[in-house]
Amino acid sequence: MSDNPLLARLQRLAEDLPGVETGTSYGTPALKVAGKLFVRIKDAETLVLMVPLDDKERLIEMAPELYYETDHYKGWPALLVRAAVIDDGELRHRLTESWRLKAPAKLRKLLD
């Protein structure tokens, strides 16, 4: 685990997803699968979660208290998440969906 409580939370919630590796992205802690980023810590309050563009708008509309974007992320399949507000159940679900987006088929089959 890690000295970073947010990274430790991500690792705990993703521990049963096959092939998850801890690494870095843009100099911040991240979780990857098969070398592909699926979530990273932007700062102490914010996660960057990889999502399909179609889901991004829907999630922001559905729960703007949890999900948002800045101009920097417009048009990219990355969703900003307020880490202190999202509960473990919702974050676990989002991590799993993001992992599915990036994981190769052979690892997805292990989870299914």
N, C-alpha and C. Protein backbone atom coordinates (compact mmCIF):
# COMPACT_ATOMS: atom_id res chain seq x y z
N MET A 1 0.84 -1.19 0.00
CA MET A 1 0.00 0.00 0.00
C MET A 1 0.88 1.24 0.00
N SER A 2 0.29 2.36 0.33
CA SER A 2 0.99 3.61 0.12
C SER A 2 0.83 4.55 1.30
N ASP A 3 1.72 5.52 1.39
CA ASP A 3 1.59 6.58 2.39
C ASP A 3 0.49 7.56 1.99
N ASN A 4 0.13 7.55 0.72
CA ASN A 4 -0.90 8.45 0.20
C ASN A 4 -2.27 7.82 0.48
N PRO A 5 -3.09 8.43 1.36
CA PRO A 5 -4.37 7.79 1.70
C PRO A 5 -5.32 7.65 0.51
N LEU A 6 -5.27 8.58 -0.43
CA LEU A 6 -6.14 8.48 -1.60
C LEU A 6 -5.68 7.33 -2.50
N LEU A 7 -4.38 7.18 -2.68
CA LEU A 7 -3.87 6.05 -3.46
C LEU A 7 -4.21 4.73 -2.76
N ALA A 8 -4.05 4.70 -1.44
CA ALA A 8 -4.38 3.48 -0.69
C ALA A 8 -5.86 3.12 -0.88
N ARG A 9 -6.73 4.12 -0.89
CA ARG A 9 -8.16 3.88 -1.12
C ARG A 9 -8.39 3.30 -2.51
N LEU A 10 -7.77 3.89 -3.52
CA LEU A 10 -7.92 3.38 -4.89
C LEU A 10 -7.42 1.94 -4.98
N GLN A 11 -6.26 1.67 -4.39
CA GLN A 11 -5.70 0.31 -4.43
C GLN A 11 -6.64 -0.69 -3.76
N ARG A 12 -7.20 -0.29 -2.62
CA ARG A 12 -8.12 -1.18 -1.89
C ARG A 12 -9.37 -1.47 -2.72
N LEU A 13 -9.93 -0.43 -3.35
CA LEU A 13 -11.17 -0.60 -4.11
C LEU A 13 -10.94 -1.35 -5.42
N ALA A 14 -9.70 -1.35 -5.91
CA ALA A 14 -9.39 -2.02 -7.18
C ALA A 14 -8.64 -3.33 -6.99
N GLU A 15 -8.50 -3.78 -5.74
CA GLU A 15 -7.62 -4.92 -5.47
C GLU A 15 -8.05 -6.21 -6.14
N ASP A 16 -9.34 -6.38 -6.44
CA ASP A 16 -9.74 -7.64 -7.09
C ASP A 16 -9.89 -7.51 -8.61
N LEU A 17 -9.47 -6.38 -9.16
CA LEU A 17 -9.47 -6.22 -10.62
C LEU A 17 -8.16 -6.81 -11.16
N PRO A 18 -8.24 -7.77 -12.08
CA PRO A 18 -7.03 -8.44 -12.57
C PRO A 18 -6.07 -7.48 -13.28
N GLY A 19 -4.79 -7.68 -13.01
CA GLY A 19 -3.74 -6.98 -13.75
C GLY A 19 -3.52 -5.52 -13.39
N VAL A 20 -4.06 -5.07 -12.27
CA VAL A 20 -3.89 -3.66 -11.89
C VAL A 20 -2.47 -3.42 -11.39
N GLU A 21 -1.86 -2.37 -11.89
CA GLU A 21 -0.50 -1.97 -11.50
C GLU A 21 -0.57 -0.55 -10.97
N THR A 22 0.23 -0.26 -9.95
CA THR A 22 0.36 1.11 -9.46
C THR A 22 1.54 1.74 -10.19
N GLY A 23 1.34 2.95 -10.68
CA GLY A 23 2.40 3.65 -11.37
C GLY A 23 2.19 5.14 -11.23
N THR A 24 2.65 5.88 -12.22
CA THR A 24 2.44 7.32 -12.23
C THR A 24 1.96 7.77 -13.60
N SER A 25 1.31 8.91 -13.61
CA SER A 25 0.88 9.55 -14.83
C SER A 25 0.95 11.05 -14.59
N TYR A 26 1.62 11.76 -15.45
CA TYR A 26 1.83 13.20 -15.27
C TYR A 26 2.40 13.50 -13.89
N GLY A 27 3.26 12.60 -13.41
CA GLY A 27 3.95 12.81 -12.14
C GLY A 27 3.11 12.55 -10.90
N THR A 28 1.90 12.02 -11.07
CA THR A 28 1.05 11.74 -9.92
C THR A 28 0.73 10.24 -9.86
N PRO A 29 0.38 9.72 -8.68
CA PRO A 29 0.05 8.29 -8.56
C PRO A 29 -1.12 7.91 -9.46
N ALA A 30 -1.03 6.70 -10.00
CA ALA A 30 -2.06 6.23 -10.94
C ALA A 30 -2.20 4.72 -10.83
N LEU A 31 -3.36 4.24 -11.30
CA LEU A 31 -3.57 2.81 -11.47
C LEU A 31 -3.70 2.55 -12.96
N LYS A 32 -3.04 1.48 -13.40
CA LYS A 32 -3.03 1.11 -14.81
C LYS A 32 -3.36 -0.37 -14.94
N VAL A 33 -3.81 -0.74 -16.13
CA VAL A 33 -4.01 -2.15 -16.46
C VAL A 33 -3.35 -2.37 -17.81
N ALA A 34 -2.50 -3.38 -17.90
CA ALA A 34 -1.74 -3.67 -19.13
C ALA A 34 -1.04 -2.40 -19.63
N GLY A 35 -0.52 -1.61 -18.70
CA GLY A 35 0.21 -0.41 -19.04
C GLY A 35 -0.65 0.79 -19.41
N LYS A 36 -1.97 0.62 -19.38
CA LYS A 36 -2.88 1.72 -19.78
C LYS A 36 -3.52 2.35 -18.55
N LEU A 37 -3.45 3.65 -18.49
CA LEU A 37 -4.03 4.41 -17.39
C LEU A 37 -5.54 4.24 -17.35
N PHE A 38 -6.09 3.98 -16.13
CA PHE A 38 -7.54 4.05 -16.01
C PHE A 38 -7.98 5.00 -14.91
N VAL A 39 -7.11 5.35 -13.98
CA VAL A 39 -7.42 6.39 -13.00
C VAL A 39 -6.10 6.95 -12.47
N ARG A 40 -6.10 8.26 -12.21
CA ARG A 40 -4.94 8.86 -11.58
C ARG A 40 -5.39 9.91 -10.58
N ILE A 41 -4.50 10.21 -9.65
CA ILE A 41 -4.76 11.26 -8.67
C ILE A 41 -4.26 12.56 -9.28
N LYS A 42 -5.14 13.53 -9.44
CA LYS A 42 -4.75 14.83 -9.98
C LYS A 42 -4.14 15.67 -8.86
N ASP A 43 -4.85 15.71 -7.72
CA ASP A 43 -4.37 16.41 -6.53
C ASP A 43 -5.08 15.79 -5.33
N ALA A 44 -4.89 16.35 -4.15
CA ALA A 44 -5.43 15.74 -2.93
C ALA A 44 -6.96 15.62 -2.93
N GLU A 45 -7.64 16.42 -3.75
CA GLU A 45 -9.11 16.40 -3.78
C GLU A 45 -9.70 15.79 -5.05
N THR A 46 -8.87 15.52 -6.06
CA THR A 46 -9.42 15.22 -7.38
C THR A 46 -8.79 13.98 -8.00
N LEU A 47 -9.68 13.14 -8.57
CA LEU A 47 -9.25 12.00 -9.37
C LEU A 47 -9.55 12.28 -10.83
N VAL A 48 -8.77 11.70 -11.73
CA VAL A 48 -9.05 11.73 -13.16
C VAL A 48 -9.35 10.29 -13.56
N LEU A 49 -10.58 10.06 -13.97
CA LEU A 49 -11.07 8.72 -14.29
C LEU A 49 -11.32 8.64 -15.78
N MET A 50 -10.81 7.60 -16.43
CA MET A 50 -11.03 7.43 -17.86
C MET A 50 -12.43 6.86 -18.09
N VAL A 51 -13.19 7.54 -18.96
CA VAL A 51 -14.57 7.12 -19.27
C VAL A 51 -14.84 7.38 -20.75
N PRO A 52 -15.78 6.64 -21.35
CA PRO A 52 -16.19 6.96 -22.71
C PRO A 52 -16.80 8.37 -22.74
N LEU A 53 -16.54 9.10 -23.80
CA LEU A 53 -17.08 10.46 -23.91
C LEU A 53 -18.59 10.50 -23.73
N ASP A 54 -19.29 9.49 -24.26
CA ASP A 54 -20.76 9.45 -24.14
C ASP A 54 -21.21 9.38 -22.67
N ASP A 55 -20.45 8.67 -21.85
CA ASP A 55 -20.80 8.53 -20.43
C ASP A 55 -20.48 9.79 -19.65
N LYS A 56 -19.45 10.50 -20.08
CA LYS A 56 -18.97 11.67 -19.35
C LYS A 56 -20.07 12.71 -19.12
N GLU A 57 -20.72 13.12 -20.18
CA GLU A 57 -21.78 14.13 -20.07
C GLU A 57 -22.90 13.65 -19.17
N ARG A 58 -23.30 12.39 -19.35
CA ARG A 58 -24.39 11.82 -18.56
C ARG A 58 -24.04 11.81 -17.07
N LEU A 59 -22.83 11.42 -16.75
CA LEU A 59 -22.43 11.37 -15.35
C LEU A 59 -22.38 12.76 -14.72
N ILE A 60 -21.88 13.73 -15.47
CA ILE A 60 -21.81 15.11 -14.96
C ILE A 60 -23.23 15.63 -14.71
N GLU A 61 -24.14 15.37 -15.64
CA GLU A 61 -25.53 15.80 -15.46
C GLU A 61 -26.20 15.09 -14.29
N MET A 62 -25.92 13.79 -14.15
CA MET A 62 -26.54 12.97 -13.12
C MET A 62 -26.06 13.35 -11.72
N ALA A 63 -24.78 13.65 -11.57
CA ALA A 63 -24.22 13.90 -10.24
C ALA A 63 -23.13 14.97 -10.30
N PRO A 64 -23.52 16.23 -10.53
CA PRO A 64 -22.52 17.30 -10.63
C PRO A 64 -21.77 17.55 -9.32
N GLU A 65 -22.31 17.05 -8.21
CA GLU A 65 -21.59 17.18 -6.95
C GLU A 65 -20.39 16.23 -6.89
N LEU A 66 -20.43 15.17 -7.71
CA LEU A 66 -19.33 14.19 -7.75
C LEU A 66 -18.42 14.38 -8.95
N TYR A 67 -19.02 14.64 -10.11
CA TYR A 67 -18.29 14.62 -11.39
C TYR A 67 -18.32 15.98 -12.06
N TYR A 68 -17.21 16.33 -12.69
CA TYR A 68 -17.15 17.60 -13.41
C TYR A 68 -16.00 17.56 -14.42
N GLU A 69 -15.88 18.62 -15.18
CA GLU A 69 -14.72 18.76 -16.06
C GLU A 69 -14.31 20.22 -16.10
N THR A 70 -13.07 20.44 -16.45
CA THR A 70 -12.57 21.79 -16.68
C THR A 70 -12.30 21.91 -18.18
N ASP A 71 -12.04 23.11 -18.63
CA ASP A 71 -11.77 23.31 -20.06
C ASP A 71 -10.66 22.40 -20.57
N HIS A 72 -9.67 22.15 -19.73
CA HIS A 72 -8.53 21.31 -20.11
C HIS A 72 -8.98 19.90 -20.53
N TYR A 73 -10.04 19.39 -19.93
CA TYR A 73 -10.50 18.02 -20.20
C TYR A 73 -11.65 17.94 -21.19
N LYS A 74 -12.14 19.07 -21.69
CA LYS A 74 -13.23 19.04 -22.67
C LYS A 74 -12.77 18.28 -23.93
N GLY A 75 -13.64 17.38 -24.39
CA GLY A 75 -13.32 16.61 -25.59
C GLY A 75 -12.44 15.41 -25.35
N TRP A 76 -12.02 15.17 -24.12
CA TRP A 76 -11.18 14.02 -23.79
C TRP A 76 -11.98 13.03 -22.95
N PRO A 77 -11.69 11.74 -23.08
CA PRO A 77 -12.43 10.73 -22.32
C PRO A 77 -11.93 10.61 -20.87
N ALA A 78 -11.86 11.75 -20.20
CA ALA A 78 -11.39 11.80 -18.81
C ALA A 78 -12.37 12.63 -18.00
N LEU A 79 -12.77 12.09 -16.86
CA LEU A 79 -13.78 12.70 -16.00
C LEU A 79 -13.12 13.06 -14.68
N LEU A 80 -13.35 14.27 -14.19
CA LEU A 80 -12.84 14.68 -12.89
C LEU A 80 -13.82 14.26 -11.80
N VAL A 81 -13.28 13.73 -10.71
CA VAL A 81 -14.09 13.19 -9.62
C VAL A 81 -13.66 13.85 -8.31
N ARG A 82 -14.63 14.33 -7.55
CA ARG A 82 -14.35 14.90 -6.22
C ARG A 82 -14.17 13.74 -5.24
N ALA A 83 -12.92 13.47 -4.89
CA ALA A 83 -12.58 12.27 -4.11
C ALA A 83 -13.21 12.25 -2.73
N ALA A 84 -13.34 13.40 -2.09
CA ALA A 84 -13.87 13.43 -0.73
C ALA A 84 -15.38 13.23 -0.70
N VAL A 85 -16.05 13.42 -1.84
CA VAL A 85 -17.51 13.37 -1.88
C VAL A 85 -18.02 12.00 -2.33
N ILE A 86 -17.30 11.36 -3.23
CA ILE A 86 -17.76 10.07 -3.78
C ILE A 86 -17.59 8.96 -2.73
N ASP A 87 -18.64 8.15 -2.55
CA ASP A 87 -18.53 7.06 -1.58
C ASP A 87 -17.84 5.85 -2.21
N ASP A 88 -17.42 4.94 -1.37
CA ASP A 88 -16.65 3.78 -1.85
C ASP A 88 -17.42 2.94 -2.85
N GLY A 89 -18.73 2.77 -2.64
CA GLY A 89 -19.52 1.96 -3.56
C GLY A 89 -19.54 2.54 -4.97
N GLU A 90 -19.80 3.82 -5.07
CA GLU A 90 -19.84 4.49 -6.38
C GLU A 90 -18.44 4.51 -7.00
N LEU A 91 -17.43 4.81 -6.19
CA LEU A 91 -16.06 4.86 -6.73
C LEU A 91 -15.64 3.48 -7.21
N ARG A 92 -15.97 2.45 -6.46
CA ARG A 92 -15.64 1.07 -6.87
C ARG A 92 -16.29 0.75 -8.22
N HIS A 93 -17.56 1.14 -8.38
CA HIS A 93 -18.26 0.91 -9.64
C HIS A 93 -17.57 1.65 -10.78
N ARG A 94 -17.25 2.91 -10.57
CA ARG A 94 -16.59 3.71 -11.62
C ARG A 94 -15.20 3.17 -11.95
N LEU A 95 -14.46 2.73 -10.94
CA LEU A 95 -13.13 2.14 -11.19
C LEU A 95 -13.26 0.89 -12.05
N THR A 96 -14.26 0.06 -11.73
CA THR A 96 -14.46 -1.17 -12.50
C THR A 96 -14.81 -0.86 -13.95
N GLU A 97 -15.70 0.12 -14.16
CA GLU A 97 -16.08 0.50 -15.52
C GLU A 97 -14.88 1.07 -16.28
N SER A 98 -14.08 1.88 -15.63
CA SER A 98 -12.89 2.46 -16.25
C SER A 98 -11.87 1.36 -16.58
N TRP A 99 -11.71 0.43 -15.64
CA TRP A 99 -10.81 -0.70 -15.86
C TRP A 99 -11.26 -1.50 -17.09
N ARG A 100 -12.57 -1.77 -17.18
CA ARG A 100 -13.11 -2.52 -18.34
C ARG A 100 -12.80 -1.82 -19.65
N LEU A 101 -12.84 -0.50 -19.63
CA LEU A 101 -12.57 0.30 -20.82
C LEU A 101 -11.14 0.09 -21.31
N LYS A 102 -10.21 -0.09 -20.40
CA LYS A 102 -8.78 -0.15 -20.74
C LYS A 102 -8.19 -1.55 -20.74
N ALA A 103 -8.82 -2.49 -20.04
CA ALA A 103 -8.24 -3.83 -19.91
C ALA A 103 -8.36 -4.62 -21.20
N PRO A 104 -7.35 -5.42 -21.51
CA PRO A 104 -7.47 -6.32 -22.66
C PRO A 104 -8.53 -7.40 -22.40
N ALA A 105 -9.05 -7.97 -23.47
CA ALA A 105 -10.14 -8.95 -23.38
C ALA A 105 -9.80 -10.11 -22.45
N LYS A 106 -8.56 -10.61 -22.46
CA LYS A 106 -8.23 -11.77 -21.63
C LYS A 106 -8.34 -11.43 -20.15
N LEU A 107 -8.06 -10.19 -19.75
CA LEU A 107 -8.22 -9.81 -18.35
C LEU A 107 -9.69 -9.56 -18.01
N ARG A 108 -10.42 -8.98 -18.95
CA ARG A 108 -11.86 -8.77 -18.73
C ARG A 108 -12.56 -10.10 -18.50
N LYS A 109 -12.15 -11.13 -19.24
CA LYS A 109 -12.76 -12.46 -19.07
C LYS A 109 -12.51 -13.02 -17.67
N LEU A 110 -11.36 -12.71 -17.08
CA LEU A 110 -11.06 -13.17 -15.72
C LEU A 110 -12.03 -12.57 -14.71
N LEU A 111 -12.45 -11.34 -14.95
CA LEU A 111 -13.37 -10.69 -14.02
C LEU A 111 -14.79 -11.21 -14.23
N ASP A 112 -15.15 -11.45 -15.47
CA ASP A 112 -16.51 -11.93 -15.79
C ASP A 112 -16.63 -13.41 -15.49
